[in-house]
Amino acid sequence: MNPSTPTLASPARLAIAAVPVAGFLATPLLPFVNGPHLWFGLPSVLVWTALCVVGTVVALQIVEASYRRSGGAELDAAELAASEVRHDAEEDQR
């Protein structure tokens, strides 16, 4: 793979996606979350988990947008076209 080819799993993108995962994994260790607290009338663990889910969605959107901006959309389109050609060739052999 040449250096100009975008990589979805680059270190920066993995770091962005790891932030909400770290929040999930740290849930039992955080005293302000893991206790008899209510946030907005709900248990704090439930609210924290919902925030981590929303954070995961946002992080993955940021990762995908970054990948597409760096040329990933063109790479994906070329890969799809190549796979369709291979699929058509396999069907012609049958």
N, C-alpha and C. Protein backbone atom coordinates (compact mmCIF):
# COMPACT_ATOMS: atom_id res chain seq x y z
N MET A 1 0.86 -1.17 0.00
CA MET A 1 0.00 0.00 0.00
C MET A 1 0.90 1.23 0.00
N ASN A 2 0.63 2.13 -0.91
CA ASN A 2 1.48 3.33 -0.96
C ASN A 2 1.04 4.34 0.09
N PRO A 3 1.91 5.29 0.43
CA PRO A 3 1.61 6.21 1.53
C PRO A 3 0.43 7.14 1.26
N SER A 4 0.06 7.34 -0.02
CA SER A 4 -1.04 8.26 -0.29
C SER A 4 -2.41 7.59 -0.19
N THR A 5 -2.44 6.26 -0.05
CA THR A 5 -3.70 5.55 0.08
C THR A 5 -4.25 5.75 1.49
N PRO A 6 -5.49 6.22 1.61
CA PRO A 6 -6.06 6.41 2.95
C PRO A 6 -6.30 5.07 3.64
N THR A 7 -6.08 5.05 4.92
CA THR A 7 -6.30 3.86 5.73
C THR A 7 -7.37 4.19 6.76
N LEU A 8 -8.41 3.37 6.77
CA LEU A 8 -9.49 3.63 7.72
C LEU A 8 -9.01 3.49 9.16
N ALA A 9 -8.17 2.51 9.43
CA ALA A 9 -7.71 2.27 10.79
C ALA A 9 -6.36 2.95 11.05
N SER A 10 -6.30 4.24 10.81
CA SER A 10 -5.08 4.98 11.11
C SER A 10 -5.02 5.23 12.62
N PRO A 11 -3.84 5.50 13.16
CA PRO A 11 -3.73 5.72 14.61
C PRO A 11 -4.62 6.86 15.13
N ALA A 12 -4.72 7.94 14.37
CA ALA A 12 -5.55 9.06 14.83
C ALA A 12 -7.02 8.67 14.86
N ARG A 13 -7.46 7.96 13.85
CA ARG A 13 -8.88 7.55 13.81
C ARG A 13 -9.17 6.52 14.90
N LEU A 14 -8.25 5.63 15.14
CA LEU A 14 -8.44 4.66 16.22
C LEU A 14 -8.50 5.36 17.58
N ALA A 15 -7.70 6.40 17.76
CA ALA A 15 -7.71 7.14 19.03
C ALA A 15 -9.06 7.84 19.23
N ILE A 16 -9.60 8.40 18.16
CA ILE A 16 -10.91 9.06 18.25
C ILE A 16 -11.98 8.05 18.65
N ALA A 17 -11.96 6.88 18.01
CA ALA A 17 -12.97 5.86 18.31
C ALA A 17 -12.77 5.24 19.70
N ALA A 18 -11.56 5.30 20.22
CA ALA A 18 -11.27 4.68 21.52
C ALA A 18 -11.78 5.50 22.71
N VAL A 19 -12.03 6.78 22.51
CA VAL A 19 -12.45 7.63 23.64
C VAL A 19 -13.76 7.15 24.26
N PRO A 20 -14.85 6.96 23.48
CA PRO A 20 -16.08 6.48 24.14
C PRO A 20 -15.96 5.05 24.65
N VAL A 21 -15.14 4.23 24.00
CA VAL A 21 -14.93 2.86 24.49
C VAL A 21 -14.26 2.91 25.85
N ALA A 22 -13.31 3.80 26.02
CA ALA A 22 -12.66 3.96 27.32
C ALA A 22 -13.68 4.41 28.37
N GLY A 23 -14.62 5.25 27.97
CA GLY A 23 -15.69 5.66 28.88
C GLY A 23 -16.54 4.49 29.33
N PHE A 24 -16.88 3.61 28.38
CA PHE A 24 -17.63 2.40 28.73
C PHE A 24 -16.85 1.54 29.71
N LEU A 25 -15.58 1.31 29.40
CA LEU A 25 -14.78 0.43 30.23
C LEU A 25 -14.48 1.02 31.61
N ALA A 26 -14.46 2.33 31.71
CA ALA A 26 -14.16 2.98 32.98
C ALA A 26 -15.39 3.13 33.87
N THR A 27 -16.55 2.79 33.37
CA THR A 27 -17.79 2.99 34.12
C THR A 27 -17.74 2.44 35.54
N PRO A 28 -17.32 1.20 35.75
CA PRO A 28 -17.32 0.69 37.14
C PRO A 28 -16.28 1.35 38.04
N LEU A 29 -15.31 2.03 37.45
CA LEU A 29 -14.24 2.63 38.24
C LEU A 29 -14.50 4.10 38.59
N LEU A 30 -15.49 4.70 37.99
CA LEU A 30 -15.76 6.12 38.21
C LEU A 30 -16.75 6.30 39.35
N PRO A 31 -16.31 6.89 40.45
CA PRO A 31 -17.20 7.01 41.60
C PRO A 31 -18.39 7.95 41.36
N PHE A 32 -18.23 8.94 40.49
CA PHE A 32 -19.36 9.84 40.24
C PHE A 32 -20.42 9.19 39.35
N VAL A 33 -20.09 8.06 38.74
CA VAL A 33 -21.06 7.33 37.92
C VAL A 33 -21.58 6.11 38.66
N ASN A 34 -20.69 5.36 39.24
CA ASN A 34 -21.03 4.10 39.88
C ASN A 34 -21.39 4.31 41.34
N GLY A 35 -22.54 4.85 41.57
CA GLY A 35 -23.00 5.10 42.94
C GLY A 35 -24.50 5.33 42.94
N PRO A 36 -25.05 5.59 44.08
CA PRO A 36 -26.50 5.78 44.19
C PRO A 36 -26.91 7.21 43.82
N HIS A 37 -26.51 7.66 42.65
CA HIS A 37 -26.79 9.02 42.23
C HIS A 37 -27.87 9.02 41.15
N LEU A 38 -28.63 10.09 41.12
CA LEU A 38 -29.60 10.28 40.04
C LEU A 38 -29.18 11.48 39.21
N TRP A 39 -29.18 11.31 37.91
CA TRP A 39 -28.95 12.41 36.97
C TRP A 39 -30.20 12.51 36.13
N PHE A 40 -30.81 13.67 36.14
CA PHE A 40 -32.05 13.89 35.38
C PHE A 40 -33.14 12.90 35.77
N GLY A 41 -33.13 12.46 37.01
CA GLY A 41 -34.14 11.53 37.51
C GLY A 41 -33.88 10.09 37.14
N LEU A 42 -32.73 9.78 36.54
CA LEU A 42 -32.38 8.42 36.14
C LEU A 42 -31.10 8.01 36.85
N PRO A 43 -30.89 6.72 37.01
CA PRO A 43 -29.62 6.28 37.61
C PRO A 43 -28.43 6.79 36.79
N SER A 44 -27.40 7.21 37.48
CA SER A 44 -26.26 7.82 36.80
C SER A 44 -25.59 6.87 35.82
N VAL A 45 -25.56 5.57 36.13
CA VAL A 45 -24.95 4.60 35.21
C VAL A 45 -25.72 4.55 33.90
N LEU A 46 -27.03 4.63 33.97
CA LEU A 46 -27.85 4.61 32.76
C LEU A 46 -27.58 5.84 31.89
N VAL A 47 -27.52 6.99 32.51
CA VAL A 47 -27.25 8.23 31.77
C VAL A 47 -25.84 8.19 31.19
N TRP A 48 -24.87 7.74 31.98
CA TRP A 48 -23.48 7.66 31.52
C TRP A 48 -23.37 6.72 30.31
N THR A 49 -24.05 5.57 30.38
CA THR A 49 -24.01 4.63 29.28
C THR A 49 -24.66 5.22 28.03
N ALA A 50 -25.76 5.92 28.20
CA ALA A 50 -26.41 6.57 27.06
C ALA A 50 -25.48 7.62 26.44
N LEU A 51 -24.78 8.37 27.28
CA LEU A 51 -23.82 9.35 26.77
C LEU A 51 -22.67 8.67 26.02
N CYS A 52 -22.24 7.53 26.52
CA CYS A 52 -21.17 6.79 25.82
C CYS A 52 -21.67 6.26 24.48
N VAL A 53 -22.91 5.84 24.41
CA VAL A 53 -23.48 5.37 23.13
C VAL A 53 -23.52 6.52 22.14
N VAL A 54 -24.02 7.66 22.57
CA VAL A 54 -24.08 8.84 21.69
C VAL A 54 -22.66 9.26 21.31
N GLY A 55 -21.74 9.21 22.25
CA GLY A 55 -20.34 9.54 21.96
C GLY A 55 -19.73 8.59 20.94
N THR A 56 -20.09 7.32 21.02
CA THR A 56 -19.59 6.35 20.04
C THR A 56 -20.10 6.67 18.65
N VAL A 57 -21.37 7.00 18.54
CA VAL A 57 -21.94 7.36 17.24
C VAL A 57 -21.24 8.59 16.67
N VAL A 58 -21.04 9.59 17.50
CA VAL A 58 -20.37 10.82 17.05
C VAL A 58 -18.92 10.52 16.65
N ALA A 59 -18.23 9.73 17.45
CA ALA A 59 -16.83 9.39 17.14
C ALA A 59 -16.73 8.64 15.82
N LEU A 60 -17.64 7.70 15.58
CA LEU A 60 -17.60 6.95 14.33
C LEU A 60 -17.95 7.83 13.13
N GLN A 61 -18.84 8.80 13.33
CA GLN A 61 -19.14 9.76 12.25
C GLN A 61 -17.91 10.60 11.93
N ILE A 62 -17.20 11.02 12.95
CA ILE A 62 -15.98 11.81 12.74
C ILE A 62 -14.93 10.97 12.01
N VAL A 63 -14.77 9.72 12.41
CA VAL A 63 -13.80 8.83 11.76
C VAL A 63 -14.17 8.65 10.29
N GLU A 64 -15.44 8.40 10.01
CA GLU A 64 -15.84 8.19 8.61
C GLU A 64 -15.68 9.45 7.78
N ALA A 65 -16.04 10.59 8.33
CA ALA A 65 -15.89 11.86 7.60
C ALA A 65 -14.42 12.14 7.31
N SER A 66 -13.56 11.86 8.27
CA SER A 66 -12.13 12.05 8.07
C SER A 66 -11.60 11.12 6.99
N TYR A 67 -12.04 9.89 7.00
CA TYR A 67 -11.63 8.91 5.99
C TYR A 67 -12.09 9.33 4.60
N ARG A 68 -13.33 9.76 4.51
CA ARG A 68 -13.86 10.18 3.20
C ARG A 68 -13.15 11.42 2.69
N ARG A 69 -12.84 12.37 3.58
CA ARG A 69 -12.13 13.58 3.16
C ARG A 69 -10.74 13.27 2.64
N SER A 70 -10.11 12.25 3.19
CA SER A 70 -8.74 11.94 2.78
C SER A 70 -8.68 11.06 1.53
N GLY A 71 -9.80 10.83 0.88
CA GLY A 71 -9.82 10.06 -0.36
C GLY A 71 -10.40 8.67 -0.21
N GLY A 72 -10.97 8.38 0.90
CA GLY A 72 -11.54 7.06 1.13
C GLY A 72 -12.76 6.77 0.28
N ALA A 73 -13.53 7.80 -0.06
CA ALA A 73 -14.73 7.59 -0.88
C ALA A 73 -14.35 7.06 -2.25
N GLU A 74 -13.30 7.65 -2.85
CA GLU A 74 -12.85 7.19 -4.17
C GLU A 74 -12.28 5.78 -4.08
N LEU A 75 -11.54 5.50 -3.03
CA LEU A 75 -10.97 4.17 -2.84
C LEU A 75 -12.08 3.13 -2.68
N ASP A 76 -13.10 3.45 -1.90
CA ASP A 76 -14.22 2.53 -1.71
C ASP A 76 -14.98 2.31 -3.01
N ALA A 77 -15.18 3.37 -3.81
CA ALA A 77 -15.88 3.23 -5.09
C ALA A 77 -15.09 2.34 -6.04
N ALA A 78 -13.76 2.52 -6.08
CA ALA A 78 -12.93 1.69 -6.95
C ALA A 78 -12.94 0.23 -6.48
N GLU A 79 -12.92 0.03 -5.18
CA GLU A 79 -12.96 -1.33 -4.64
C GLU A 79 -14.29 -2.00 -4.95
N LEU A 80 -15.40 -1.26 -4.86
CA LEU A 80 -16.71 -1.79 -5.18
C LEU A 80 -16.80 -2.16 -6.66
N ALA A 81 -16.30 -1.30 -7.52
CA ALA A 81 -16.32 -1.58 -8.96
C ALA A 81 -15.50 -2.84 -9.27
N ALA A 82 -14.35 -2.98 -8.64
CA ALA A 82 -13.52 -4.16 -8.87
C ALA A 82 -14.22 -5.43 -8.39
N SER A 83 -14.91 -5.35 -7.26
CA SER A 83 -15.60 -6.53 -6.75
C SER A 83 -16.78 -6.89 -7.64
N GLU A 84 -17.45 -5.89 -8.21
CA GLU A 84 -18.56 -6.18 -9.14
C GLU A 84 -18.06 -6.84 -10.41
N VAL A 85 -16.89 -6.42 -10.89
CA VAL A 85 -16.30 -7.04 -12.08
C VAL A 85 -15.96 -8.50 -11.78
N ARG A 86 -15.37 -8.75 -10.61
CA ARG A 86 -15.04 -10.13 -10.23
C ARG A 86 -16.30 -10.97 -10.10
N HIS A 87 -17.34 -10.40 -9.51
CA HIS A 87 -18.60 -11.12 -9.33
C HIS A 87 -19.23 -11.45 -10.68
N ASP A 88 -19.21 -10.50 -11.61
CA ASP A 88 -19.76 -10.74 -12.95
C ASP A 88 -18.96 -11.81 -13.67
N ALA A 89 -17.64 -11.80 -13.52
CA ALA A 89 -16.81 -12.81 -14.16
C ALA A 89 -17.09 -14.19 -13.59
N GLU A 90 -17.32 -14.29 -12.29
CA GLU A 90 -17.64 -15.57 -11.68
C GLU A 90 -18.98 -16.09 -12.18
N GLU A 91 -19.96 -15.20 -12.34
CA GLU A 91 -21.26 -15.62 -12.83
C GLU A 91 -21.20 -16.07 -14.29
N ASP A 92 -20.34 -15.44 -15.08
CA ASP A 92 -20.18 -15.82 -16.49
C ASP A 92 -19.56 -17.22 -16.61
N GLN A 93 -18.74 -17.60 -15.64
CA GLN A 93 -18.11 -18.92 -15.68
C GLN A 93 -19.10 -20.02 -15.36
N ARG A 94 -20.17 -19.71 -14.68
CA ARG A 94 -21.15 -20.74 -14.27
C ARG A 94 -22.06 -21.10 -15.38
